[in-house]
Amino acid sequence: MAQVPAAGDPFEALGDPNRREILRLLSAGDKPVREIADAMTISRPAVSRHLRVLKDAGMVAEQARGTRRIYHLQEQGMRAVQAYLEGIWGEAAVRFRLLAENLAESTDQGPGR
């Protein structure tokens, strides 16, 4: 069964410090909205709005347990951000290595050699 891509942009979701803090809190384990709000300095309705943005971006998911909604990190969304960053860093690392090798060669072949 194919999964529908998330509607929101994970990088835009990560742009807010409150949402980054929510992700940090959820990295320690699943939590209900009340517990997340208790650990933050913003209101419970604000936490719910931030969770909705994170959910739309595919970074968190919710599960109903009785009358509570329990939130957890969504592995697929987090891995997509990780893969993007690793791809960018991987390309930069190759360029840095080539530059370092070229500098080392030019130093070895410098004047007087």
Protein backbone atom coordinates (compact mmCIF):
# COMPACT_ATOMS: atom_id res chain seq x y z
CA MET A 1 0.00 0.00 0.00
CA ALA A 2 1.52 3.35 -1.07
CA GLN A 3 1.81 6.08 1.52
CA VAL A 4 0.59 9.58 0.78
CA PRO A 5 3.32 12.19 1.22
CA ALA A 6 2.89 14.70 4.02
CA ALA A 7 1.25 17.99 3.06
CA GLY A 8 3.53 20.18 5.17
CA ASP A 9 7.20 21.01 4.79
CA PRO A 10 9.31 19.35 7.50
CA PHE A 11 11.95 22.10 7.29
CA GLU A 12 9.34 24.78 7.80
CA ALA A 13 8.01 22.79 10.75
CA LEU A 14 11.54 22.66 12.21
CA GLY A 15 11.85 26.44 11.91
CA ASP A 16 9.97 27.07 15.15
CA PRO A 17 11.81 26.54 18.46
CA ASN A 18 8.61 25.32 20.18
CA ARG A 19 8.19 22.59 17.58
CA ARG A 20 11.83 21.58 17.94
CA GLU A 21 11.27 21.33 21.69
CA ILE A 22 8.19 19.15 21.14
CA LEU A 23 10.28 16.83 18.97
CA ARG A 24 12.96 16.72 21.67
CA LEU A 25 10.34 15.82 24.28
CA LEU A 26 8.89 13.09 22.06
CA SER A 27 12.36 11.67 21.43
CA ALA A 28 12.22 10.43 25.03
CA GLY A 29 8.98 8.53 24.32
CA ASP A 30 5.30 8.83 23.48
CA LYS A 31 3.40 11.56 25.31
CA PRO A 32 -0.12 12.96 25.55
CA VAL A 33 -0.73 16.65 24.78
CA ARG A 34 -1.15 17.45 28.48
CA GLU A 35 2.30 16.09 29.35
CA ILE A 36 3.91 17.96 26.47
CA ALA A 37 2.18 21.21 27.48
CA ASP A 38 3.21 20.75 31.13
CA ALA A 39 6.87 20.61 30.05
CA MET A 40 6.63 23.82 28.00
CA THR A 41 6.00 27.51 28.63
CA ILE A 42 3.24 27.80 26.02
CA SER A 43 -0.46 27.06 26.40
CA ARG A 44 -2.04 23.70 25.71
CA PRO A 45 -3.95 25.06 22.67
CA ALA A 46 -0.64 26.39 21.30
CA VAL A 47 0.95 22.95 21.80
CA SER A 48 -1.97 21.41 19.91
CA ARG A 49 -1.44 23.84 17.01
CA HIS A 50 2.28 23.03 16.90
CA LEU A 51 1.52 19.30 16.98
CA ARG A 52 -0.85 19.76 14.03
CA VAL A 53 1.94 21.42 12.00
CA LEU A 54 4.36 18.62 12.91
CA LYS A 55 1.73 16.03 12.02
CA ASP A 56 1.03 17.69 8.64
CA ALA A 57 4.79 17.64 7.97
CA GLY A 58 4.91 13.90 8.69
CA MET A 59 7.15 14.30 11.73
CA VAL A 60 4.74 13.09 14.42
CA ALA A 61 1.70 10.85 14.52
CA GLU A 62 -1.05 10.40 17.05
CA GLN A 63 -2.78 7.36 18.45
CA ALA A 64 -6.07 7.34 20.32
CA ARG A 65 -5.97 5.70 23.75
CA GLY A 66 -9.34 6.09 25.35
CA THR A 67 -10.13 9.79 25.38
CA ARG A 68 -6.47 10.81 25.08
CA ARG A 69 -4.33 11.35 22.02
CA ILE A 70 -0.80 10.05 22.42
CA TYR A 71 1.84 11.56 20.14
CA HIS A 72 5.02 9.90 18.94
CA LEU A 73 7.76 10.64 16.44
CA GLN A 74 6.97 9.52 12.92
CA GLU A 75 10.03 7.65 11.73
CA GLN A 76 9.39 8.24 8.02
CA GLY A 77 9.28 12.03 8.38
CA MET A 78 12.35 12.16 10.60
CA ARG A 79 14.29 9.89 8.23
CA ALA A 80 13.38 12.09 5.26
CA VAL A 81 14.96 15.11 6.98
CA GLN A 82 17.99 13.03 7.98
CA ALA A 83 18.45 11.69 4.43
CA TYR A 84 18.24 15.19 2.97
CA LEU A 85 20.84 16.56 5.39
CA GLU A 86 23.14 13.59 4.87
CA GLY A 87 22.87 14.05 1.10
CA ILE A 88 23.79 17.71 1.36
CA TRP A 89 26.63 17.01 3.79
CA GLY A 90 27.86 14.10 1.70
CA GLU A 91 28.23 16.32 -1.37
CA ALA A 92 29.97 19.02 0.67
CA ALA A 93 32.31 16.47 2.27
CA VAL A 94 33.40 15.24 -1.17
CA ARG A 95 34.16 18.83 -2.25
CA PHE A 96 36.11 19.49 0.96
CA ARG A 97 38.16 16.32 0.46
CA LEU A 98 38.97 17.23 -3.16
CA LEU A 99 39.95 20.74 -2.12
CA ALA A 100 42.20 19.41 0.65
CA GLU A 101 43.84 16.94 -1.73
CA ASN A 102 44.41 19.66 -4.34
CA LEU A 103 45.89 22.00 -1.72
CA ALA A 104 48.20 19.26 -0.46
CA GLU A 105 49.37 18.52 -4.03
CA SER A 106 50.00 22.16 -4.80
CA THR A 107 51.96 22.57 -1.55
CA ASP A 108 54.07 19.50 -2.39
CA GLN A 109 54.81 20.94 -5.86
CA GLY A 110 55.37 24.48 -4.64
CA PRO A 111 58.34 26.76 -5.55
CA GLY A 112 61.77 25.33 -5.00
CA ARG A 113 60.76 21.70 -5.51
